[in-house]
N, C-alpha and C. Protein backbone atom coordinates (compact mmCIF):
# COMPACT_ATOMS: atom_id res chain seq x y z
N MET A 1 0.85 -1.17 0.00
CA MET A 1 0.00 0.00 0.00
C MET A 1 0.90 1.24 0.00
N THR A 2 0.55 2.19 -0.84
CA THR A 2 1.34 3.41 -0.93
C THR A 2 1.22 4.24 0.35
N GLN A 3 2.26 5.00 0.61
CA GLN A 3 2.28 5.84 1.80
C GLN A 3 1.16 6.88 1.75
N SER A 4 0.87 7.41 0.57
CA SER A 4 -0.19 8.42 0.46
C SER A 4 -1.56 7.82 0.77
N LEU A 5 -1.80 6.58 0.35
CA LEU A 5 -3.08 5.93 0.66
C LEU A 5 -3.17 5.63 2.15
N LYS A 6 -2.09 5.15 2.74
CA LYS A 6 -2.08 4.90 4.19
C LYS A 6 -2.41 6.17 4.96
N ALA A 7 -1.78 7.27 4.58
CA ALA A 7 -2.01 8.54 5.27
C ALA A 7 -3.46 9.00 5.11
N LYS A 8 -4.01 8.84 3.91
CA LYS A 8 -5.39 9.24 3.65
C LYS A 8 -6.36 8.40 4.48
N ILE A 9 -6.14 7.09 4.56
CA ILE A 9 -7.02 6.22 5.34
C ILE A 9 -7.00 6.61 6.81
N ILE A 10 -5.82 6.82 7.36
CA ILE A 10 -5.71 7.21 8.77
C ILE A 10 -6.37 8.56 9.01
N GLU A 11 -6.16 9.50 8.10
CA GLU A 11 -6.77 10.83 8.23
C GLU A 11 -8.30 10.74 8.24
N VAL A 12 -8.85 10.00 7.30
CA VAL A 12 -10.31 9.86 7.21
C VAL A 12 -10.86 9.14 8.43
N CYS A 13 -10.20 8.08 8.86
CA CYS A 13 -10.67 7.35 10.04
C CYS A 13 -10.64 8.25 11.27
N ASP A 14 -9.56 9.00 11.45
CA ASP A 14 -9.48 9.92 12.59
C ASP A 14 -10.61 10.94 12.56
N LYS A 15 -10.90 11.48 11.38
CA LYS A 15 -11.96 12.47 11.24
C LYS A 15 -13.32 11.86 11.56
N LYS A 16 -13.60 10.67 11.03
CA LYS A 16 -14.88 10.01 11.27
C LYS A 16 -15.04 9.68 12.76
N ILE A 17 -13.97 9.17 13.38
CA ILE A 17 -14.02 8.84 14.81
C ILE A 17 -14.27 10.09 15.64
N ALA A 18 -13.61 11.19 15.31
CA ALA A 18 -13.79 12.44 16.04
C ALA A 18 -15.23 12.96 15.90
N GLN A 19 -15.82 12.78 14.72
CA GLN A 19 -17.18 13.27 14.47
C GLN A 19 -18.26 12.39 15.09
N LYS A 20 -18.07 11.05 15.01
CA LYS A 20 -19.17 10.15 15.35
C LYS A 20 -18.85 9.12 16.42
N GLY A 21 -17.64 9.12 16.94
CA GLY A 21 -17.28 8.22 18.02
C GLY A 21 -16.61 6.94 17.57
N ASP A 22 -16.19 6.16 18.55
CA ASP A 22 -15.40 4.95 18.30
C ASP A 22 -16.12 3.86 17.53
N SER A 23 -17.43 3.88 17.52
CA SER A 23 -18.17 2.80 16.86
C SER A 23 -18.52 3.09 15.40
N VAL A 24 -18.05 4.20 14.86
CA VAL A 24 -18.37 4.58 13.48
C VAL A 24 -17.77 3.57 12.49
N GLY A 25 -18.54 3.28 11.47
CA GLY A 25 -18.07 2.39 10.42
C GLY A 25 -17.69 3.15 9.17
N VAL A 26 -16.82 2.54 8.36
CA VAL A 26 -16.41 3.12 7.08
C VAL A 26 -16.34 2.00 6.03
N SER A 27 -16.43 2.40 4.78
CA SER A 27 -16.15 1.49 3.67
C SER A 27 -14.95 2.06 2.94
N PHE A 28 -14.37 1.30 2.04
CA PHE A 28 -13.18 1.82 1.34
C PHE A 28 -13.53 3.00 0.45
N TYR A 29 -14.80 3.18 0.12
CA TYR A 29 -15.21 4.34 -0.66
C TYR A 29 -15.07 5.65 0.12
N ALA A 30 -15.01 5.56 1.46
CA ALA A 30 -14.90 6.76 2.29
C ALA A 30 -13.61 7.53 2.04
N PHE A 31 -12.64 6.89 1.43
CA PHE A 31 -11.33 7.50 1.23
C PHE A 31 -11.20 8.20 -0.12
N PHE A 32 -12.30 8.27 -0.85
CA PHE A 32 -12.28 8.83 -2.20
C PHE A 32 -13.44 9.79 -2.40
N LYS A 33 -13.25 10.73 -3.32
CA LYS A 33 -14.33 11.61 -3.72
C LYS A 33 -15.34 10.81 -4.54
N ASN A 34 -16.52 11.35 -4.69
CA ASN A 34 -17.53 10.66 -5.50
C ASN A 34 -17.09 10.52 -6.96
N LYS A 35 -16.22 11.41 -7.39
CA LYS A 35 -15.70 11.35 -8.76
C LYS A 35 -14.52 10.38 -8.78
N ASN A 36 -14.54 9.45 -9.70
CA ASN A 36 -13.47 8.45 -9.81
C ASN A 36 -12.30 9.05 -10.60
N ASP A 37 -11.53 9.91 -9.92
CA ASP A 37 -10.44 10.59 -10.60
C ASP A 37 -9.09 9.89 -10.44
N ASN A 38 -9.05 8.78 -9.69
CA ASN A 38 -7.82 8.03 -9.53
C ASN A 38 -8.15 6.53 -9.44
N PRO A 39 -8.49 5.90 -10.56
CA PRO A 39 -8.93 4.51 -10.53
C PRO A 39 -7.87 3.53 -10.01
N GLU A 40 -6.59 3.83 -10.23
CA GLU A 40 -5.53 2.94 -9.75
C GLU A 40 -5.51 2.90 -8.22
N LEU A 41 -5.65 4.06 -7.60
CA LEU A 41 -5.65 4.14 -6.15
C LEU A 41 -6.90 3.49 -5.57
N LEU A 42 -8.03 3.70 -6.23
CA LEU A 42 -9.27 3.07 -5.80
C LEU A 42 -9.14 1.55 -5.85
N MET A 43 -8.55 1.02 -6.91
CA MET A 43 -8.37 -0.43 -7.02
C MET A 43 -7.38 -0.95 -5.99
N GLU A 44 -6.36 -0.16 -5.68
CA GLU A 44 -5.42 -0.56 -4.63
C GLU A 44 -6.15 -0.71 -3.30
N ALA A 45 -6.99 0.27 -2.96
CA ALA A 45 -7.74 0.21 -1.71
C ALA A 45 -8.73 -0.95 -1.72
N ALA A 46 -9.42 -1.14 -2.84
CA ALA A 46 -10.40 -2.23 -2.94
C ALA A 46 -9.72 -3.59 -2.83
N THR A 47 -8.59 -3.75 -3.46
CA THR A 47 -7.86 -5.02 -3.39
C THR A 47 -7.42 -5.30 -1.96
N TRP A 48 -6.86 -4.30 -1.30
CA TRP A 48 -6.43 -4.46 0.09
C TRP A 48 -7.60 -4.82 0.98
N TRP A 49 -8.73 -4.12 0.79
CA TRP A 49 -9.91 -4.29 1.62
C TRP A 49 -10.59 -5.64 1.37
N ILE A 50 -10.82 -5.98 0.11
CA ILE A 50 -11.63 -7.15 -0.25
C ILE A 50 -10.79 -8.41 -0.36
N GLN A 51 -9.74 -8.38 -1.16
CA GLN A 51 -8.97 -9.60 -1.41
C GLN A 51 -7.97 -9.92 -0.30
N THR A 52 -7.25 -8.92 0.16
CA THR A 52 -6.21 -9.17 1.14
C THR A 52 -6.79 -9.48 2.52
N HIS A 53 -7.80 -8.72 2.94
CA HIS A 53 -8.32 -8.86 4.31
C HIS A 53 -9.73 -9.42 4.39
N SER A 54 -10.40 -9.63 3.28
CA SER A 54 -11.77 -10.17 3.26
C SER A 54 -12.69 -9.42 4.22
N LEU A 55 -12.61 -8.10 4.18
CA LEU A 55 -13.41 -7.28 5.08
C LEU A 55 -14.83 -7.13 4.55
N ASP A 56 -15.77 -6.89 5.47
CA ASP A 56 -17.14 -6.60 5.08
C ASP A 56 -17.19 -5.21 4.44
N HIS A 57 -18.34 -4.90 3.83
CA HIS A 57 -18.47 -3.61 3.17
C HIS A 57 -18.21 -2.47 4.15
N PHE A 58 -18.80 -2.54 5.35
CA PHE A 58 -18.56 -1.55 6.39
C PHE A 58 -17.81 -2.21 7.54
N GLU A 59 -16.77 -1.54 7.99
CA GLU A 59 -15.98 -2.00 9.13
C GLU A 59 -15.78 -0.82 10.07
N LYS A 60 -15.48 -1.10 11.31
CA LYS A 60 -15.21 -0.05 12.28
C LYS A 60 -13.96 0.73 11.86
N ALA A 61 -14.05 2.04 11.93
CA ALA A 61 -12.93 2.90 11.55
C ALA A 61 -11.70 2.60 12.41
N LEU A 62 -11.91 2.30 13.69
CA LEU A 62 -10.78 1.97 14.57
C LEU A 62 -10.05 0.73 14.08
N LYS A 63 -10.79 -0.29 13.63
CA LYS A 63 -10.19 -1.51 13.12
C LYS A 63 -9.36 -1.24 11.88
N ILE A 64 -9.92 -0.46 10.95
CA ILE A 64 -9.22 -0.15 9.71
C ILE A 64 -7.96 0.66 10.00
N LYS A 65 -8.08 1.62 10.87
CA LYS A 65 -6.92 2.46 11.24
C LYS A 65 -5.80 1.58 11.80
N GLU A 66 -6.11 0.66 12.68
CA GLU A 66 -5.09 -0.21 13.27
C GLU A 66 -4.47 -1.13 12.23
N LEU A 67 -5.28 -1.68 11.33
CA LEU A 67 -4.74 -2.52 10.27
C LEU A 67 -3.73 -1.76 9.41
N VAL A 68 -4.08 -0.53 9.07
CA VAL A 68 -3.21 0.28 8.22
C VAL A 68 -1.95 0.69 8.97
N LYS A 69 -2.08 1.05 10.23
CA LYS A 69 -0.92 1.47 11.02
C LYS A 69 0.07 0.33 11.19
N ASN A 70 -0.41 -0.91 11.17
CA ASN A 70 0.45 -2.07 11.38
C ASN A 70 1.06 -2.61 10.08
N LEU A 71 0.87 -1.93 8.97
CA LEU A 71 1.47 -2.36 7.71
C LEU A 71 2.96 -2.10 7.70
């Protein structure tokens, strides 16, 4: 996973947790704008989320943040 994607995931998770608390869920789409302006990065996140970790569509932001921090 690229350093920029790791940083973006942690940033988004931190923001969501601050806004809605520790139990907030996220999907990998949360890390991207509605416009698909970087399909390679989107596929990298989707592959990591779906194929590498077999995660559900929505997961706790805390869980995702810890997974990314431990890469």
